[in-house]
Amino acid sequence: ILGFAVDTIMISPAAAEVSYAGAESTGAKDVDLRVVAEALAVAESDVRLFDRPDETDGRRRLGVALATAPDPIVARDRARRVSAVLRKLW
């Protein structure tokens, strides 16, 4: 980029899992912070919660579970665990 050397070494593999609902879904009215805390208790994890529907699709994106780990398979498993916990919100 701009003639600069770019380091392409992956420091930590990452994974993400998106939670969807139908277009008729209203999503979570109130976010239970205990559920979010339980989701964030998974090592090297993060969450993104959404309030507005995606205009481009009939599905409603409710949240994204993010995770990193030394191994891509472990990162994927962590993201799935976080997503499973987040499903308690809906």
PDB file of N, CA and C in Angstrom:
ATOM      1  N   ILE A   1       0.858  -1.163   0.000  1.00  0.00           N
ATOM      2  CA  ILE A   1       0.000   0.000   0.000  1.00  0.00           C
ATOM      3  C   ILE A   1       0.907   1.229   0.000  1.00  0.00           C
ATOM      4  N   LEU A   2       0.726   2.087  -0.950  1.00  0.00           N
ATOM      5  CA  LEU A   2       1.529   3.302  -1.084  1.00  0.00           C
ATOM      6  C   LEU A   2       3.017   3.000  -1.164  1.00  0.00           C
ATOM      7  N   GLY A   3       3.370   1.802  -1.626  1.00  0.00           N
ATOM      8  CA  GLY A   3       4.772   1.450  -1.751  1.00  0.00           C
ATOM      9  C   GLY A   3       5.419   0.985  -0.464  1.00  0.00           C
ATOM     10  N   PHE A   4       4.665   0.928   0.624  1.00  0.00           N
ATOM     11  CA  PHE A   4       5.219   0.475   1.895  1.00  0.00           C
ATOM     12  C   PHE A   4       5.147  -1.045   1.983  1.00  0.00           C
ATOM     13  N   ALA A   5       6.089  -1.618   2.664  1.00  0.00           N
ATOM     14  CA  ALA A   5       6.062  -3.061   2.900  1.00  0.00           C
ATOM     15  C   ALA A   5       4.909  -3.372   3.857  1.00  0.00           C
ATOM     16  N   VAL A   6       4.182  -4.437   3.564  1.00  0.00           N
ATOM     17  CA  VAL A   6       3.050  -4.832   4.396  1.00  0.00           C
ATOM     18  C   VAL A   6       3.361  -6.177   5.029  1.00  0.00           C
ATOM     19  N   ASP A   7       3.275  -6.224   6.333  1.00  0.00           N
ATOM     20  CA  ASP A   7       3.497  -7.468   7.064  1.00  0.00           C
ATOM     21  C   ASP A   7       2.227  -8.301   6.992  1.00  0.00           C
ATOM     22  N   THR A   8       2.297  -9.469   6.387  1.00  0.00           N
ATOM     23  CA  THR A   8       1.113 -10.310   6.209  1.00  0.00           C
ATOM     24  C   THR A   8       1.058 -11.460   7.198  1.00  0.00           C
ATOM     25  N   ILE A   9       1.899 -11.429   8.213  1.00  0.00           N
ATOM     26  CA  ILE A   9       1.875 -12.483   9.223  1.00  0.00           C
ATOM     27  C   ILE A   9       0.617 -12.333  10.064  1.00  0.00           C
ATOM     28  N   MET A  10      -0.156 -13.421  10.184  1.00  0.00           N
ATOM     29  CA  MET A  10      -1.366 -13.395  10.979  1.00  0.00           C
ATOM     30  C   MET A  10      -0.982 -13.574  12.448  1.00  0.00           C
ATOM     31  N   ILE A  11      -1.248 -12.562  13.243  1.00  0.00           N
ATOM     32  CA  ILE A  11      -0.892 -12.610  14.646  1.00  0.00           C
ATOM     33  C   ILE A  11      -1.818 -13.560  15.399  1.00  0.00           C
ATOM     34  N   SER A  12      -3.106 -13.437  15.145  1.00  0.00           N
ATOM     35  CA  SER A  12      -4.067 -14.282  15.838  1.00  0.00           C
ATOM     36  C   SER A  12      -5.260 -14.521  14.920  1.00  0.00           C
ATOM     37  N   PRO A  13      -5.512 -15.770  14.535  1.00  0.00           N
ATOM     38  CA  PRO A  13      -6.675 -16.052  13.693  1.00  0.00           C
ATOM     39  C   PRO A  13      -7.967 -15.630  14.387  1.00  0.00           C
ATOM     40  N   ALA A  14      -8.938 -15.234  13.590  1.00  0.00           N
ATOM     41  CA  ALA A  14     -10.214 -14.773  14.139  1.00  0.00           C
ATOM     42  C   ALA A  14     -11.373 -15.487  13.465  1.00  0.00           C
ATOM     43  N   ALA A  15     -12.522 -15.434  14.128  1.00  0.00           N
ATOM     44  CA  ALA A  15     -13.742 -16.016  13.582  1.00  0.00           C
ATOM     45  C   ALA A  15     -14.916 -15.146  14.002  1.00  0.00           C
ATOM     46  N   ALA A  16     -16.000 -15.211  13.234  1.00  0.00           N
ATOM     47  CA  ALA A  16     -17.209 -14.462  13.543  1.00  0.00           C
ATOM     48  C   ALA A  16     -18.418 -15.312  13.199  1.00  0.00           C
ATOM     49  N   GLU A  17     -19.492 -15.121  13.942  1.00  0.00           N
ATOM     50  CA  GLU A  17     -20.750 -15.793  13.643  1.00  0.00           C
ATOM     51  C   GLU A  17     -21.866 -14.782  13.798  1.00  0.00           C
ATOM     52  N   VAL A  18     -22.739 -14.687  12.798  1.00  0.00           N
ATOM     53  CA  VAL A  18     -23.817 -13.708  12.780  1.00  0.00           C
ATOM     54  C   VAL A  18     -25.117 -14.388  13.169  1.00  0.00           C
ATOM     55  N   SER A  19     -25.910 -13.718  14.010  1.00  0.00           N
ATOM     56  CA  SER A  19     -27.234 -14.213  14.385  1.00  0.00           C
ATOM     57  C   SER A  19     -28.283 -13.443  13.605  1.00  0.00           C
ATOM     58  N   TYR A  20     -29.165 -14.159  12.920  1.00  0.00           N
ATOM     59  CA  TYR A  20     -30.223 -13.556  12.121  1.00  0.00           C
ATOM     60  C   TYR A  20     -31.585 -13.933  12.674  1.00  0.00           C
ATOM     61  N   ALA A  21     -32.580 -13.115  12.365  1.00  0.00           N
ATOM     62  CA  ALA A  21     -33.978 -13.423  12.641  1.00  0.00           C
ATOM     63  C   ALA A  21     -34.756 -13.064  11.388  1.00  0.00           C
ATOM     64  N   GLY A  22     -36.014 -13.440  11.340  1.00  0.00           N
ATOM     65  CA  GLY A  22     -36.838 -13.079  10.195  1.00  0.00           C
ATOM     66  C   GLY A  22     -37.134 -11.592  10.177  1.00  0.00           C
ATOM     67  N   ALA A  23     -37.618 -11.093   9.059  1.00  0.00           N
ATOM     68  CA  ALA A  23     -37.911  -9.662   8.914  1.00  0.00           C
ATOM     69  C   ALA A  23     -38.985  -9.207   9.890  1.00  0.00           C
ATOM     70  N   GLU A  24     -39.863 -10.131  10.309  1.00  0.00           N
ATOM     71  CA  GLU A  24     -40.947  -9.768  11.218  1.00  0.00           C
ATOM     72  C   GLU A  24     -40.482  -9.662  12.669  1.00  0.00           C
ATOM     73  N   SER A  25     -39.277 -10.095  12.946  1.00  0.00           N
ATOM     74  CA  SER A  25     -38.753 -10.057  14.298  1.00  0.00           C
ATOM     75  C   SER A  25     -38.547  -8.622  14.750  1.00  0.00           C
ATOM     76  N   THR A  26     -38.861  -8.367  16.007  1.00  0.00           N
ATOM     77  CA  THR A  26     -38.670  -7.032  16.557  1.00  0.00           C
ATOM     78  C   THR A  26     -37.346  -6.931  17.286  1.00  0.00           C
ATOM     79  N   GLY A  27     -36.641  -8.047  17.461  1.00  0.00           N
ATOM     80  CA  GLY A  27     -35.365  -8.025  18.171  1.00  0.00           C
ATOM     81  C   GLY A  27     -35.581  -7.926  19.667  1.00  0.00           C
ATOM     82  N   ALA A  28     -34.512  -7.735  20.375  1.00  0.00           N
ATOM     83  CA  ALA A  28     -34.578  -7.645  21.832  1.00  0.00           C
ATOM     84  C   ALA A  28     -35.019  -6.242  22.233  1.00  0.00           C
ATOM     85  N   LYS A  29     -36.008  -6.160  23.107  1.00  0.00           N
ATOM     86  CA  LYS A  29     -36.456  -4.857  23.604  1.00  0.00           C
ATOM     87  C   LYS A  29     -35.435  -4.301  24.593  1.00  0.00           C
ATOM     88  N   ASP A  30     -35.073  -5.111  25.574  1.00  0.00           N
ATOM     89  CA  ASP A  30     -34.090  -4.723  26.572  1.00  0.00           C
ATOM     90  C   ASP A  30     -32.972  -5.753  26.561  1.00  0.00           C
ATOM     91  N   VAL A  31     -31.753  -5.289  26.531  1.00  0.00           N
ATOM     92  CA  VAL A  31     -30.613  -6.197  26.521  1.00  0.00           C
ATOM     93  C   VAL A  31     -30.296  -6.577  27.957  1.00  0.00           C
ATOM     94  N   ASP A  32     -30.273  -7.871  28.232  1.00  0.00           N
ATOM     95  CA  ASP A  32     -29.922  -8.372  29.554  1.00  0.00           C
ATOM     96  C   ASP A  32     -28.402  -8.385  29.659  1.00  0.00           C
ATOM     97  N   LEU A  33     -27.867  -7.503  30.464  1.00  0.00           N
ATOM     98  CA  LEU A  33     -26.420  -7.378  30.572  1.00  0.00           C
ATOM     99  C   LEU A  33     -25.770  -8.612  31.178  1.00  0.00           C
ATOM    100  N   ARG A  34     -26.531  -9.417  31.917  1.00  0.00           N
ATOM    101  CA  ARG A  34     -25.974 -10.676  32.445  1.00  0.00           C
ATOM    102  C   ARG A  34     -25.661 -11.639  31.310  1.00  0.00           C
ATOM    103  N   VAL A  35     -26.508 -11.660  30.283  1.00  0.00           N
ATOM    104  CA  VAL A  35     -26.269 -12.520  29.113  1.00  0.00           C
ATOM    105  C   VAL A  35     -25.045 -12.019  28.350  1.00  0.00           C
ATOM    106  N   VAL A  36     -24.943 -10.716  28.176  1.00  0.00           N
ATOM    107  CA  VAL A  36     -23.780 -10.155  27.481  1.00  0.00           C
ATOM    108  C   VAL A  36     -22.507 -10.463  28.267  1.00  0.00           C
ATOM    109  N   ALA A  37     -22.560 -10.334  29.590  1.00  0.00           N
ATOM    110  CA  ALA A  37     -21.392 -10.648  30.421  1.00  0.00           C
ATOM    111  C   ALA A  37     -21.013 -12.122  30.298  1.00  0.00           C
ATOM    112  N   GLU A  38     -22.018 -12.993  30.231  1.00  0.00           N
ATOM    113  CA  GLU A  38     -21.751 -14.426  30.059  1.00  0.00           C
ATOM    114  C   GLU A  38     -21.092 -14.694  28.707  1.00  0.00           C
ATOM    115  N   ALA A  39     -21.552 -13.995  27.670  1.00  0.00           N
ATOM    116  CA  ALA A  39     -20.960 -14.156  26.338  1.00  0.00           C
ATOM    117  C   ALA A  39     -19.517 -13.658  26.329  1.00  0.00           C
ATOM    118  N   LEU A  40     -19.266 -12.551  26.993  1.00  0.00           N
ATOM    119  CA  LEU A  40     -17.918 -11.982  27.018  1.00  0.00           C
ATOM    120  C   LEU A  40     -16.976 -12.747  27.941  1.00  0.00           C
ATOM    121  N   ALA A  41     -17.512 -13.675  28.736  1.00  0.00           N
ATOM    122  CA  ALA A  41     -16.666 -14.496  29.602  1.00  0.00           C
ATOM    123  C   ALA A  41     -15.845 -15.507  28.803  1.00  0.00           C
ATOM    124  N   VAL A  42     -16.254 -15.757  27.566  1.00  0.00           N
ATOM    125  CA  VAL A  42     -15.473 -16.631  26.684  1.00  0.00           C
ATOM    126  C   VAL A  42     -14.173 -15.906  26.356  1.00  0.00           C
ATOM    127  N   ALA A  43     -13.062 -16.618  26.472  1.00  0.00           N
ATOM    128  CA  ALA A  43     -11.742 -16.012  26.259  1.00  0.00           C
ATOM    129  C   ALA A  43     -11.630 -15.357  24.883  1.00  0.00           C
ATOM    130  N   GLU A  44     -10.990 -14.203  24.818  1.00  0.00           N
ATOM    131  CA  GLU A  44     -10.705 -13.474  23.578  1.00  0.00           C
ATOM    132  C   GLU A  44     -11.946 -13.275  22.709  1.00  0.00           C
ATOM    133  N   SER A  45     -13.056 -12.878  23.336  1.00  0.00           N
ATOM    134  CA  SER A  45     -14.298 -12.709  22.584  1.00  0.00           C
ATOM    135  C   SER A  45     -14.787 -11.272  22.656  1.00  0.00           C
ATOM    136  N   ASP A  46     -15.681 -10.943  21.724  1.00  0.00           N
ATOM    137  CA  ASP A  46     -16.319  -9.644  21.690  1.00  0.00           C
ATOM    138  C   ASP A  46     -17.666  -9.819  21.004  1.00  0.00           C
ATOM    139  N   VAL A  47     -18.586  -8.893  21.228  1.00  0.00           N
ATOM    140  CA  VAL A  47     -19.904  -8.968  20.602  1.00  0.00           C
ATOM    141  C   VAL A  47     -20.272  -7.617  20.015  1.00  0.00           C
ATOM    142  N   ARG A  48     -21.130  -7.659  18.996  1.00  0.00           N
ATOM    143  CA  ARG A  48     -21.734  -6.470  18.412  1.00  0.00           C
ATOM    144  C   ARG A  48     -23.228  -6.746  18.325  1.00  0.00           C
ATOM    145  N   LEU A  49     -24.028  -5.885  18.924  1.00  0.00           N
ATOM    146  CA  LEU A  49     -25.483  -6.029  18.896  1.00  0.00           C
ATOM    147  C   LEU A  49     -26.065  -4.916  18.038  1.00  0.00           C
ATOM    148  N   PHE A  50     -27.126  -5.240  17.270  1.00  0.00           N
ATOM    149  CA  PHE A  50     -27.714  -4.297  16.336  1.00  0.00           C
ATOM    150  C   PHE A  50     -29.165  -4.043  16.686  1.00  0.00           C
ATOM    151  N   ASP A  51     -29.609  -2.823  16.428  1.00  0.00           N
ATOM    152  CA  ASP A  51     -30.983  -2.439  16.736  1.00  0.00           C
ATOM    153  C   ASP A  51     -31.825  -2.251  15.485  1.00  0.00           C
ATOM    154  N   ARG A  52     -31.202  -1.877  14.365  1.00  0.00           N
ATOM    155  CA  ARG A  52     -31.931  -1.599  13.137  1.00  0.00           C
ATOM    156  C   ARG A  52     -31.874  -2.783  12.181  1.00  0.00           C
ATOM    157  N   PRO A  53     -32.937  -3.020  11.417  1.00  0.00           N
ATOM    158  CA  PRO A  53     -32.897  -4.096  10.425  1.00  0.00           C
ATOM    159  C   PRO A  53     -31.970  -3.759   9.273  1.00  0.00           C
ATOM    160  N   ASP A  54     -31.448  -4.796   8.642  1.00  0.00           N
ATOM    161  CA  ASP A  54     -30.619  -4.630   7.452  1.00  0.00           C
ATOM    162  C   ASP A  54     -31.543  -4.311   6.278  1.00  0.00           C
ATOM    163  N   GLU A  55     -31.336  -3.185   5.640  1.00  0.00           N
ATOM    164  CA  GLU A  55     -32.207  -2.736   4.553  1.00  0.00           C
ATOM    165  C   GLU A  55     -32.056  -3.574   3.283  1.00  0.00           C
ATOM    166  N   THR A  56     -30.940  -4.278   3.114  1.00  0.00           N
ATOM    167  CA  THR A  56     -30.665  -4.968   1.861  1.00  0.00           C
ATOM    168  C   THR A  56     -31.199  -6.387   1.808  1.00  0.00           C
ATOM    169  N   ASP A  57     -31.700  -6.891   2.900  1.00  0.00           N
ATOM    170  CA  ASP A  57     -32.035  -8.305   2.993  1.00  0.00           C
ATOM    171  C   ASP A  57     -33.334  -8.450   3.778  1.00  0.00           C
ATOM    172  N   GLY A  58     -34.049  -9.543   3.574  1.00  0.00           N
ATOM    173  CA  GLY A  58     -35.257  -9.794   4.347  1.00  0.00           C
ATOM    174  C   GLY A  58     -34.970 -10.245   5.763  1.00  0.00           C
ATOM    175  N   ARG A  59     -33.725 -10.653   5.997  1.00  0.00           N
ATOM    176  CA  ARG A  59     -33.369 -11.114   7.338  1.00  0.00           C
ATOM    177  C   ARG A  59     -32.991  -9.935   8.219  1.00  0.00           C
ATOM    178  N   ARG A  60     -33.131 -10.121   9.505  1.00  0.00           N
ATOM    179  CA  ARG A  60     -32.755  -9.087  10.470  1.00  0.00           C
ATOM    180  C   ARG A  60     -31.516  -9.556  11.212  1.00  0.00           C
ATOM    181  N   ARG A  61     -30.447  -8.802  11.084  1.00  0.00           N
ATOM    182  CA  ARG A  61     -29.204  -9.136  11.771  1.00  0.00           C
ATOM    183  C   ARG A  61     -29.325  -8.646  13.210  1.00  0.00           C
ATOM    184  N   LEU A  62     -29.184  -9.567  14.158  1.00  0.00           N
ATOM    185  CA  LEU A  62     -29.351  -9.221  15.567  1.00  0.00           C
ATOM    186  C   LEU A  62     -28.025  -8.994  16.272  1.00  0.00           C
ATOM    187  N   GLY A  63     -27.013  -9.734  15.893  1.00  0.00           N
ATOM    188  CA  GLY A  63     -25.731  -9.576  16.555  1.00  0.00           C
ATOM    189  C   GLY A  63     -24.638 -10.367  15.866  1.00  0.00           C
ATOM    190  N   VAL A  64     -23.405 -10.046  16.241  1.00  0.00           N
ATOM    191  CA  VAL A  64     -22.240 -10.746  15.719  1.00  0.00           C
ATOM    192  C   VAL A  64     -21.370 -11.148  16.898  1.00  0.00           C
ATOM    193  N   ALA A  65     -20.983 -12.406  16.904  1.00  0.00           N
ATOM    194  CA  ALA A  65     -20.048 -12.918  17.906  1.00  0.00           C
ATOM    195  C   ALA A  65     -18.666 -12.962  17.276  1.00  0.00           C
ATOM    196  N   LEU A  66     -17.694 -12.352  17.928  1.00  0.00           N
ATOM    197  CA  LEU A  66     -16.320 -12.303  17.429  1.00  0.00           C
ATOM    198  C   LEU A  66     -15.394 -13.002  18.414  1.00  0.00           C
ATOM    199  N   ALA A  67     -14.384 -13.690  17.904  1.00  0.00           N
ATOM    200  CA  ALA A  67     -13.421 -14.361  18.781  1.00  0.00           C
ATOM    201  C   ALA A  67     -12.091 -14.520  18.059  1.00  0.00           C
ATOM    202  N   THR A  68     -11.026 -14.553  18.841  1.00  0.00           N
ATOM    203  CA  THR A  68      -9.693 -14.839  18.318  1.00  0.00           C
ATOM    204  C   THR A  68      -9.094 -15.968  19.140  1.00  0.00           C
ATOM    205  N   ALA A  69      -8.083 -16.617  18.572  1.00  0.00           N
ATOM    206  CA  ALA A  69      -7.391 -17.706  19.253  1.00  0.00           C
ATOM    207  C   ALA A  69      -6.107 -18.010  18.485  1.00  0.00           C
ATOM    208  N   PRO A  70      -5.208 -18.752  19.087  1.00  0.00           N
ATOM    209  CA  PRO A  70      -3.985 -19.122  18.378  1.00  0.00           C
ATOM    210  C   PRO A  70      -4.244 -20.029  17.168  1.00  0.00           C
ATOM    211  N   ASP A  71      -5.387 -20.696  17.152  1.00  0.00           N
ATOM    212  CA  ASP A  71      -5.733 -21.647  16.098  1.00  0.00           C
ATOM    213  C   ASP A  71      -7.096 -21.273  15.515  1.00  0.00           C
ATOM    214  N   PRO A  72      -7.290 -21.315  14.199  1.00  0.00           N
ATOM    215  CA  PRO A  72      -8.578 -20.944  13.607  1.00  0.00           C
ATOM    216  C   PRO A  72      -9.747 -21.801  14.082  1.00  0.00           C
ATOM    217  N   ILE A  73      -9.519 -23.067  14.331  1.00  0.00           N
ATOM    218  CA  ILE A  73     -10.599 -23.953  14.783  1.00  0.00           C
ATOM    219  C   ILE A  73     -11.049 -23.564  16.184  1.00  0.00           C
ATOM    220  N   VAL A  74     -10.105 -23.218  17.036  1.00  0.00           N
ATOM    221  CA  VAL A  74     -10.442 -22.771  18.399  1.00  0.00           C
ATOM    222  C   VAL A  74     -11.190 -21.440  18.327  1.00  0.00           C
ATOM    223  N   ALA A  75     -10.746 -20.533  17.447  1.00  0.00           N
ATOM    224  CA  ALA A  75     -11.423 -19.248  17.288  1.00  0.00           C
ATOM    225  C   ALA A  75     -12.870 -19.469  16.834  1.00  0.00           C
ATOM    226  N   ARG A  76     -13.085 -20.384  15.898  1.00  0.00           N
ATOM    227  CA  ARG A  76     -14.438 -20.682  15.423  1.00  0.00           C
ATOM    228  C   ARG A  76     -15.304 -21.246  16.541  1.00  0.00           C
ATOM    229  N   ASP A  77     -14.746 -22.151  17.336  1.00  0.00           N
ATOM    230  CA  ASP A  77     -15.499 -22.730  18.450  1.00  0.00           C
ATOM    231  C   ASP A  77     -15.862 -21.673  19.487  1.00  0.00           C
ATOM    232  N   ARG A  78     -14.946 -20.753  19.747  1.00  0.00           N
ATOM    233  CA  ARG A  78     -15.232 -19.670  20.692  1.00  0.00           C
ATOM    234  C   ARG A  78     -16.350 -18.777  20.161  1.00  0.00           C
ATOM    235  N   ALA A  79     -16.306 -18.443  18.884  1.00  0.00           N
ATOM    236  CA  ALA A  79     -17.353 -17.610  18.289  1.00  0.00           C
ATOM    237  C   ALA A  79     -18.705 -18.310  18.368  1.00  0.00           C
ATOM    238  N   ARG A  80     -18.727 -19.601  18.157  1.00  0.00           N
ATOM    239  CA  ARG A  80     -19.987 -20.364  18.259  1.00  0.00           C
ATOM    240  C   ARG A  80     -20.515 -20.383  19.683  1.00  0.00           C
ATOM    241  N   ARG A  81     -19.614 -20.502  20.672  1.00  0.00           N
ATOM    242  CA  ARG A  81     -20.053 -20.472  22.073  1.00  0.00           C
ATOM    243  C   ARG A  81     -20.643 -19.112  22.431  1.00  0.00           C
ATOM    244  N   VAL A  82     -19.997 -18.049  21.975  1.00  0.00           N
ATOM    245  CA  VAL A  82     -20.509 -16.701  22.239  1.00  0.00           C
ATOM    246  C   VAL A  82     -21.869 -16.524  21.578  1.00  0.00           C
ATOM    247  N   SER A  83     -22.011 -16.968  20.336  1.00  0.00           N
ATOM    248  CA  SER A  83     -23.277 -16.855  19.610  1.00  0.00           C
ATOM    249  C   SER A  83     -24.386 -17.645  20.307  1.00  0.00           C
ATOM    250  N   ALA A  84     -24.067 -18.815  20.808  1.00  0.00           N
ATOM    251  CA  ALA A  84     -25.052 -19.624  21.522  1.00  0.00           C
ATOM    252  C   ALA A  84     -25.559 -18.906  22.761  1.00  0.00           C
ATOM    253  N   VAL A  85     -24.691 -18.227  23.459  1.00  0.00           N
ATOM    254  CA  VAL A  85     -25.099 -17.465  24.637  1.00  0.00           C
ATOM    255  C   VAL A  85     -25.964 -16.280  24.219  1.00  0.00           C
ATOM    256  N   LEU A  86     -25.578 -15.595  23.147  1.00  0.00           N
ATOM    257  CA  LEU A  86     -26.341 -14.422  22.701  1.00  0.00           C
ATOM    258  C   LEU A  86     -27.758 -14.778  22.267  1.00  0.00           C
ATOM    259  N   ARG A  87     -27.999 -16.002  21.842  1.00  0.00           N
ATOM    260  CA  ARG A  87     -29.346 -16.416  21.432  1.00  0.00           C
ATOM    261  C   ARG A  87     -30.339 -16.332  22.587  1.00  0.00           C
ATOM    262  N   LYS A  88     -29.850 -16.303  23.810  1.00  0.00           N
ATOM    263  CA  LYS A  88     -30.738 -16.145  24.977  1.00  0.00           C
ATOM    264  C   LYS A  88     -31.431 -14.778  24.965  1.00  0.00           C
ATOM    265  N   LEU A  89     -30.831 -13.809  24.257  1.00  0.00           N
ATOM    266  CA  LEU A  89     -31.440 -12.479  24.192  1.00  0.00           C
ATOM    267  C   LEU A  89     -32.692 -12.447  23.332  1.00  0.00           C
ATOM    268  N   TRP A  90     -32.827 -13.410  22.396  1.00  0.00           N
ATOM    269  CA  TRP A  90     -33.935 -13.395  21.473  1.00  0.00           C
ATOM    270  C   TRP A  90     -34.736 -14.639  21.626  1.00  0.00           C
TER     271      TRP A  90
END
